Each structure stands twice: as C-alpha cells, then as structure tokens.
Amino acid sequence: DYDNLTQFINDLINKPVRITLNHRE
C-alpha cells in the first residue's frame, strides 16, 4: 500500500531494470 505517488516513486530509486531501447523519428 502507498499513501501517494511520491512514496511509490521513492521506492523506485536505485532499483534495477532492463530497458529495451528503440529509435523513432
């Protein structure tokens, strides 16, 4: 449970993820 989006965002910091990068015009 999160009281707000800010709490959620704070939990995201320094978490690892894998990004698939693409290109667009």
PDB file of all heavy atoms in Angstrom:
ATOM      1  N   ASP A   1       0.829  -1.205   0.000  1.00  0.00           N
ATOM      2  CA  ASP A   1       0.000   0.000   0.000  1.00  0.00           C
ATOM      3  C   ASP A   1       0.864   1.255   0.000  1.00  0.00           C
ATOM      4  O   ASP A   1       1.882   1.313   0.694  1.00  0.00           O
ATOM      5  CB  ASP A   1      -0.900   0.031   1.241  1.00  0.00           C
ATOM      6  CG  ASP A   1      -2.014  -1.003   1.173  1.00  0.00           C
ATOM      7  OD1 ASP A   1      -2.531  -1.246   0.073  1.00  0.00           O
ATOM      8  OD2 ASP A   1      -2.362  -1.565   2.229  1.00  0.00           O
ATOM      9  N   TYR A   2       0.425   2.248  -0.764  1.00  0.00           N
ATOM     10  CA  TYR A   2       1.088   3.547  -0.809  1.00  0.00           C
ATOM     11  C   TYR A   2       0.044   4.620  -0.545  1.00  0.00           C
ATOM     12  O   TYR A   2      -1.066   4.546  -1.074  1.00  0.00           O
ATOM     13  CB  TYR A   2       1.739   3.787  -2.178  1.00  0.00           C
ATOM     14  CG  TYR A   2       2.929   2.895  -2.431  1.00  0.00           C
ATOM     15  CD1 TYR A   2       2.795   1.706  -3.134  1.00  0.00           C
ATOM     16  CD2 TYR A   2       4.185   3.244  -1.963  1.00  0.00           C
ATOM     17  CE1 TYR A   2       3.890   0.885  -3.350  1.00  0.00           C
ATOM     18  CE2 TYR A   2       5.286   2.428  -2.176  1.00  0.00           C
ATOM     19  CZ  TYR A   2       5.125   1.259  -2.872  1.00  0.00           C
ATOM     20  OH  TYR A   2       6.215   0.446  -3.086  1.00  0.00           O
ATOM     21  N   ASP A   3       0.423   5.611   0.244  1.00  0.00           N
ATOM     22  CA  ASP A   3      -0.472   6.732   0.505  1.00  0.00           C
ATOM     23  C   ASP A   3      -0.543   7.685  -0.678  1.00  0.00           C
ATOM     24  O   ASP A   3      -1.549   8.366  -0.872  1.00  0.00           O
ATOM     25  CB  ASP A   3      -0.024   7.511   1.748  1.00  0.00           C
ATOM     26  CG  ASP A   3      -0.182   6.705   3.026  1.00  0.00           C
ATOM     27  OD1 ASP A   3      -1.062   5.825   3.086  1.00  0.00           O
ATOM     28  OD2 ASP A   3       0.602   6.952   3.973  1.00  0.00           O
ATOM     29  N   ASN A   4       0.545   7.728  -1.465  1.00  0.00           N
ATOM     30  CA  ASN A   4       0.576   8.654  -2.594  1.00  0.00           C
ATOM     31  C   ASN A   4       1.647   8.210  -3.584  1.00  0.00           C
ATOM     32  O   ASN A   4       2.453   7.318  -3.298  1.00  0.00           O
ATOM     33  CB  ASN A   4       0.817  10.094  -2.119  1.00  0.00           C
ATOM     34  CG  ASN A   4       2.046  10.195  -1.250  1.00  0.00           C
ATOM     35  OD1 ASN A   4       3.122   9.714  -1.598  1.00  0.00           O
ATOM     36  ND2 ASN A   4       1.891  10.825  -0.084  1.00  0.00           N
ATOM     37  N   LEU A   5       1.672   8.868  -4.722  1.00  0.00           N
ATOM     38  CA  LEU A   5       2.611   8.535  -5.783  1.00  0.00           C
ATOM     39  C   LEU A   5       4.053   8.830  -5.361  1.00  0.00           C
ATOM     40  O   LEU A   5       4.971   8.119  -5.752  1.00  0.00           O
ATOM     41  CB  LEU A   5       2.257   9.293  -7.066  1.00  0.00           C
ATOM     42  CG  LEU A   5       3.088   8.977  -8.302  1.00  0.00           C
ATOM     43  CD1 LEU A   5       2.983   7.497  -8.685  1.00  0.00           C
ATOM     44  CD2 LEU A   5       2.669   9.865  -9.472  1.00  0.00           C
ATOM     45  N   THR A   6       4.259   9.843  -4.546  1.00  0.00           N
ATOM     46  CA  THR A   6       5.607  10.188  -4.086  1.00  0.00           C
ATOM     47  C   THR A   6       6.248   9.027  -3.325  1.00  0.00           C
ATOM     48  O   THR A   6       7.427   8.719  -3.529  1.00  0.00           O
ATOM     49  CB  THR A   6       5.567  11.456  -3.207  1.00  0.00           C
ATOM     50  OG1 THR A   6       5.017  12.526  -3.980  1.00  0.00           O
ATOM     51  CG2 THR A   6       6.952  11.841  -2.715  1.00  0.00           C
ATOM     52  N   GLN A   7       5.496   8.365  -2.469  1.00  0.00           N
ATOM     53  CA  GLN A   7       6.023   7.200  -1.738  1.00  0.00           C
ATOM     54  C   GLN A   7       6.426   6.102  -2.707  1.00  0.00           C
ATOM     55  O   GLN A   7       7.473   5.473  -2.551  1.00  0.00           O
ATOM     56  CB  GLN A   7       4.985   6.649  -0.759  1.00  0.00           C
ATOM     57  CG  GLN A   7       4.794   7.463   0.482  1.00  0.00           C
ATOM     58  CD  GLN A   7       3.765   6.811   1.401  1.00  0.00           C
ATOM     59  OE1 GLN A   7       2.986   5.942   0.988  1.00  0.00           O
ATOM     60  NE2 GLN A   7       3.741   7.251   2.648  1.00  0.00           N
ATOM     61  N   PHE A   8       5.597   5.865  -3.699  1.00  0.00           N
ATOM     62  CA  PHE A   8       5.886   4.850  -4.712  1.00  0.00           C
ATOM     63  C   PHE A   8       7.179   5.193  -5.452  1.00  0.00           C
ATOM     64  O   PHE A   8       8.055   4.356  -5.622  1.00  0.00           O
ATOM     65  CB  PHE A   8       4.703   4.765  -5.690  1.00  0.00           C
ATOM     66  CG  PHE A   8       4.876   3.767  -6.792  1.00  0.00           C
ATOM     67  CD1 PHE A   8       4.575   2.428  -6.593  1.00  0.00           C
ATOM     68  CD2 PHE A   8       5.324   4.163  -8.049  1.00  0.00           C
ATOM     69  CE1 PHE A   8       4.718   1.502  -7.620  1.00  0.00           C
ATOM     70  CE2 PHE A   8       5.473   3.252  -9.076  1.00  0.00           C
ATOM     71  CZ  PHE A   8       5.168   1.915  -8.858  1.00  0.00           C
ATOM     72  N   ILE A   9       7.292   6.455  -5.871  1.00  0.00           N
ATOM     73  CA  ILE A   9       8.483   6.908  -6.599  1.00  0.00           C
ATOM     74  C   ILE A   9       9.730   6.731  -5.743  1.00  0.00           C
ATOM     75  O   ILE A   9      10.771   6.273  -6.224  1.00  0.00           O
ATOM     76  CB  ILE A   9       8.315   8.370  -7.056  1.00  0.00           C
ATOM     77  CG1 ILE A   9       7.293   8.443  -8.200  1.00  0.00           C
ATOM     78  CG2 ILE A   9       9.646   8.981  -7.479  1.00  0.00           C
ATOM     79  CD1 ILE A   9       6.854   9.842  -8.559  1.00  0.00           C
ATOM     80  N   ASN A  10       9.645   7.076  -4.468  1.00  0.00           N
ATOM     81  CA  ASN A  10      10.801   6.922  -3.581  1.00  0.00           C
ATOM     82  C   ASN A  10      11.252   5.470  -3.497  1.00  0.00           C
ATOM     83  O   ASN A  10      12.443   5.196  -3.373  1.00  0.00           O
ATOM     84  CB  ASN A  10      10.493   7.473  -2.192  1.00  0.00           C
ATOM     85  CG  ASN A  10      10.416   8.979  -2.180  1.00  0.00           C
ATOM     86  OD1 ASN A  10      10.961   9.658  -3.052  1.00  0.00           O
ATOM     87  ND2 ASN A  10       9.712   9.530  -1.209  1.00  0.00           N
ATOM     88  N   ASP A  11      10.321   4.534  -3.573  1.00  0.00           N
ATOM     89  CA  ASP A  11      10.667   3.107  -3.560  1.00  0.00           C
ATOM     90  C   ASP A  11      11.351   2.664  -4.857  1.00  0.00           C
ATOM     91  O   ASP A  11      12.054   1.658  -4.874  1.00  0.00           O
ATOM     92  CB  ASP A  11       9.424   2.243  -3.330  1.00  0.00           C
ATOM     93  CG  ASP A  11       9.165   1.955  -1.866  1.00  0.00           C
ATOM     94  OD1 ASP A  11       9.926   2.452  -1.007  1.00  0.00           O
ATOM     95  OD2 ASP A  11       8.189   1.231  -1.578  1.00  0.00           O
ATOM     96  N   LEU A  12      11.136   3.396  -5.942  1.00  0.00           N
ATOM     97  CA  LEU A  12      11.730   3.026  -7.230  1.00  0.00           C
ATOM     98  C   LEU A  12      13.218   3.363  -7.331  1.00  0.00           C
ATOM     99  O   LEU A  12      13.954   2.704  -8.074  1.00  0.00           O
ATOM    100  CB  LEU A  12      11.006   3.751  -8.373  1.00  0.00           C
ATOM    101  CG  LEU A  12       9.569   3.351  -8.670  1.00  0.00           C
ATOM    102  CD1 LEU A  12       8.986   4.291  -9.726  1.00  0.00           C
ATOM    103  CD2 LEU A  12       9.483   1.911  -9.114  1.00  0.00           C
ATOM    104  N   ILE A  13      13.657   4.371  -6.600  1.00  0.00           N
ATOM    105  CA  ILE A  13      15.022   4.875  -6.742  1.00  0.00           C
ATOM    106  C   ILE A  13      16.041   3.774  -6.430  1.00  0.00           C
ATOM    107  O   ILE A  13      15.923   3.067  -5.441  1.00  0.00           O
ATOM    108  CB  ILE A  13      15.253   6.116  -5.851  1.00  0.00           C
ATOM    109  CG1 ILE A  13      14.246   7.210  -6.187  1.00  0.00           C
ATOM    110  CG2 ILE A  13      16.690   6.626  -5.964  1.00  0.00           C
ATOM    111  CD1 ILE A  13      14.231   7.675  -7.633  1.00  0.00           C
ATOM    112  N   ASN A  14      17.034   3.643  -7.310  1.00  0.00           N
ATOM    113  CA  ASN A  14      18.123   2.655  -7.247  1.00  0.00           C
ATOM    114  C   ASN A  14      17.672   1.218  -7.489  1.00  0.00           C
ATOM    115  O   ASN A  14      18.445   0.287  -7.265  1.00  0.00           O
ATOM    116  CB  ASN A  14      18.897   2.751  -5.931  1.00  0.00           C
ATOM    117  CG  ASN A  14      19.752   3.988  -5.886  1.00  0.00           C
ATOM    118  OD1 ASN A  14      20.272   4.423  -6.902  1.00  0.00           O
ATOM    119  ND2 ASN A  14      19.876   4.569  -4.707  1.00  0.00           N
ATOM    120  N   LYS A  15      16.459   1.027  -7.975  1.00  0.00           N
ATOM    121  CA  LYS A  15      16.012  -0.322  -8.315  1.00  0.00           C
ATOM    122  C   LYS A  15      16.491  -0.656  -9.725  1.00  0.00           C
ATOM    123  O   LYS A  15      16.456   0.180 -10.627  1.00  0.00           O
ATOM    124  CB  LYS A  15      14.476  -0.430  -8.257  1.00  0.00           C
ATOM    125  CG  LYS A  15      13.888  -0.245  -6.878  1.00  0.00           C
ATOM    126  CD  LYS A  15      14.255  -1.354  -5.948  1.00  0.00           C
ATOM    127  CE  LYS A  15      13.522  -1.328  -4.646  1.00  0.00           C
ATOM    128  NZ  LYS A  15      13.935  -0.353  -3.678  1.00  0.00           N
ATOM    129  N   PRO A  16      16.949  -1.892  -9.929  1.00  0.00           N
ATOM    130  CA  PRO A  16      17.437  -2.286 -11.251  1.00  0.00           C
ATOM    131  C   PRO A  16      16.300  -2.660 -12.190  1.00  0.00           C
ATOM    132  O   PRO A  16      15.293  -3.236 -11.766  1.00  0.00           O
ATOM    133  CB  PRO A  16      18.302  -3.508 -10.945  1.00  0.00           C
ATOM    134  CG  PRO A  16      17.656  -4.109  -9.740  1.00  0.00           C
ATOM    135  CD  PRO A  16      17.127  -2.947  -8.935  1.00  0.00           C
ATOM    136  N   VAL A  17      16.459  -2.328 -13.448  1.00  0.00           N
ATOM    137  CA  VAL A  17      15.513  -2.694 -14.506  1.00  0.00           C
ATOM    138  C   VAL A  17      16.312  -2.935 -15.790  1.00  0.00           C
ATOM    139  O   VAL A  17      17.468  -2.552 -15.891  1.00  0.00           O
ATOM    140  CB  VAL A  17      14.451  -1.601 -14.760  1.00  0.00           C
ATOM    141  CG1 VAL A  17      13.511  -1.439 -13.586  1.00  0.00           C
ATOM    142  CG2 VAL A  17      15.091  -0.273 -15.106  1.00  0.00           C
ATOM    143  N   ARG A  18      15.664  -3.576 -16.747  1.00  0.00           N
ATOM    144  CA  ARG A  18      16.258  -3.765 -18.074  1.00  0.00           C
ATOM    145  C   ARG A  18      15.428  -2.959 -19.065  1.00  0.00           C
ATOM    146  O   ARG A  18      14.224  -3.164 -19.203  1.00  0.00           O
ATOM    147  CB  ARG A  18      16.269  -5.244 -18.457  1.00  0.00           C
ATOM    148  CG  ARG A  18      16.947  -5.532 -19.786  1.00  0.00           C
ATOM    149  CD  ARG A  18      17.143  -7.037 -20.029  1.00  0.00           C
ATOM    150  NE  ARG A  18      16.131  -7.869 -19.417  1.00  0.00           N
ATOM    151  CZ  ARG A  18      15.045  -8.337 -20.041  1.00  0.00           C
ATOM    152  NH1 ARG A  18      14.851  -8.071 -21.305  1.00  0.00           N
ATOM    153  NH2 ARG A  18      14.186  -9.093 -19.404  1.00  0.00           N
ATOM    154  N   ILE A  19      16.084  -2.042 -19.741  1.00  0.00           N
ATOM    155  CA  ILE A  19      15.421  -1.158 -20.693  1.00  0.00           C
ATOM    156  C   ILE A  19      15.674  -1.673 -22.105  1.00  0.00           C
ATOM    157  O   ILE A  19      16.815  -1.960 -22.468  1.00  0.00           O
ATOM    158  CB  ILE A  19      15.983   0.278 -20.581  1.00  0.00           C
ATOM    159  CG1 ILE A  19      15.787   0.839 -19.182  1.00  0.00           C
ATOM    160  CG2 ILE A  19      15.384   1.202 -21.644  1.00  0.00           C
ATOM    161  CD1 ILE A  19      14.356   0.957 -18.761  1.00  0.00           C
ATOM    162  N   THR A  20      14.621  -1.794 -22.888  1.00  0.00           N
ATOM    163  CA  THR A  20      14.770  -2.066 -24.314  1.00  0.00           C
ATOM    164  C   THR A  20      14.606  -0.737 -25.025  1.00  0.00           C
ATOM    165  O   THR A  20      13.558  -0.100 -24.963  1.00  0.00           O
ATOM    166  CB  THR A  20      13.724  -3.086 -24.804  1.00  0.00           C
ATOM    167  OG1 THR A  20      13.898  -4.298 -24.072  1.00  0.00           O
ATOM    168  CG2 THR A  20      13.878  -3.356 -26.289  1.00  0.00           C
ATOM    169  N   LEU A  21      15.687  -0.325 -25.665  1.00  0.00           N
ATOM    170  CA  LEU A  21      15.725   0.969 -26.331  1.00  0.00           C
ATOM    171  C   LEU A  21      15.441   0.796 -27.809  1.00  0.00           C
ATOM    172  O   LEU A  21      15.924  -0.142 -28.443  1.00  0.00           O
ATOM    173  CB  LEU A  21      17.121   1.589 -26.130  1.00  0.00           C
ATOM    174  CG  LEU A  21      17.274   3.064 -26.426  1.00  0.00           C
ATOM    175  CD1 LEU A  21      16.421   3.895 -25.474  1.00  0.00           C
ATOM    176  CD2 LEU A  21      18.728   3.465 -26.295  1.00  0.00           C
ATOM    177  N   ASN A  22      14.656   1.699 -28.353  1.00  0.00           N
ATOM    178  CA  ASN A  22      14.313   1.720 -29.765  1.00  0.00           C
ATOM    179  C   ASN A  22      14.633   3.117 -30.291  1.00  0.00           C
ATOM    180  O   ASN A  22      15.044   3.988 -29.529  1.00  0.00           O
ATOM    181  CB  ASN A  22      12.824   1.384 -29.941  1.00  0.00           C
ATOM    182  CG  ASN A  22      12.504   0.852 -31.307  1.00  0.00           C
ATOM    183  OD1 ASN A  22      13.378   0.600 -32.124  1.00  0.00           O
ATOM    184  ND2 ASN A  22      11.217   0.671 -31.577  1.00  0.00           N
ATOM    185  N   HIS A  23      14.445   3.349 -31.551  1.00  0.00           N
ATOM    186  CA  HIS A  23      14.604   4.668 -32.153  1.00  0.00           C
ATOM    187  C   HIS A  23      13.295   5.080 -32.792  1.00  0.00           C
ATOM    188  O   HIS A  23      12.513   4.234 -33.232  1.00  0.00           O
ATOM    189  CB  HIS A  23      15.692   4.667 -33.225  1.00  0.00           C
ATOM    190  CG  HIS A  23      17.053   4.434 -32.687  1.00  0.00           C
ATOM    191  ND1 HIS A  23      18.104   4.090 -33.485  1.00  0.00           N
ATOM    192  CD2 HIS A  23      17.562   4.494 -31.426  1.00  0.00           C
ATOM    193  CE1 HIS A  23      19.201   3.946 -32.755  1.00  0.00           C
ATOM    194  NE2 HIS A  23      18.890   4.188 -31.507  1.00  0.00           N
ATOM    195  N   ARG A  24      13.077   6.397 -32.839  1.00  0.00           N
ATOM    196  CA  ARG A  24      11.904   6.928 -33.536  1.00  0.00           C
ATOM    197  C   ARG A  24      12.292   8.219 -34.221  1.00  0.00           C
ATOM    198  O   ARG A  24      13.242   8.886 -33.821  1.00  0.00           O
ATOM    199  CB  ARG A  24      10.745   7.153 -32.577  1.00  0.00           C
ATOM    200  CG  ARG A  24      10.956   8.309 -31.630  1.00  0.00           C
ATOM    201  CD  ARG A  24       9.756   8.507 -30.721  1.00  0.00           C
ATOM    202  NE  ARG A  24      10.045   9.588 -29.793  1.00  0.00           N
ATOM    203  CZ  ARG A  24       9.273  10.635 -29.620  1.00  0.00           C
ATOM    204  NH1 ARG A  24       8.150  10.751 -30.296  1.00  0.00           N
ATOM    205  NH2 ARG A  24       9.605  11.582 -28.771  1.00  0.00           N
ATOM    206  N   GLU A  25      11.564   8.557 -35.262  1.00  0.00           N
ATOM    207  CA  GLU A  25      11.784   9.807 -35.978  1.00  0.00           C
ATOM    208  C   GLU A  25      10.829  10.861 -35.426  1.00  0.00           C
ATOM    209  O   GLU A  25       9.640  10.606 -35.251  1.00  0.00           O
ATOM    210  CB  GLU A  25      11.525   9.611 -37.479  1.00  0.00           C
ATOM    211  CG  GLU A  25      12.506   8.684 -38.156  1.00  0.00           C
ATOM    212  CD  GLU A  25      13.928   9.213 -38.156  1.00  0.00           C
ATOM    213  OE1 GLU A  25      14.137  10.428 -38.358  1.00  0.00           O
ATOM    214  OE2 GLU A  25      14.843   8.392 -37.940  1.00  0.00           O
TER     215      GLU A  25
END
